[in-house]
């Protein structure tokens, strides 16, 4: 039986200045646990982009941070693109569909926040198939980012009827 059955899960989207100190601590703790310790990658996680970002958190009923993404407005990471980054799931709750769930929510939020902009990400290359399942397409060659193979990917947004009429 899945440990998530019967759990109440809650998504919360906040700007940096709306985060409580406990929420910020949970975010930084999970990011460090996965990206620095688990992946054995010494890198500067605090890149001065958090202050401009929207932070999507998935907590369970016990207020444990299960998954997280950072939604970046256009021109913060990539000129003329919004971006989703720091996609992370708690190690104890992997293979439960949380990554898929938070990516679906992240895309919905970012499309509503920045409807005029396509989404560009820097995906760890082993996750290309995962991101392709959300209609991201690879662009360019693989490259090393913090000694981990990455690939740039873009999700092209389909304009709404209203947007098409305004052209």
Foldseek 3Di string as FASTA:
>chain_A
DAPCVPKDKDKDKAALVPDDPVRVVLLVVQLCVPVCVVVVFDDDPPPVQSNQWIKIFMAIPVRHTFWIKTWHDAPPVHHQATEIDSTGGRPVRPPVCPSVVVVVVNVVVNCVVHVVGKYKYWAQVVCPVVVVVVVWDFDDDWDADSNTTTTMTIRDDDDDPVVVVVD
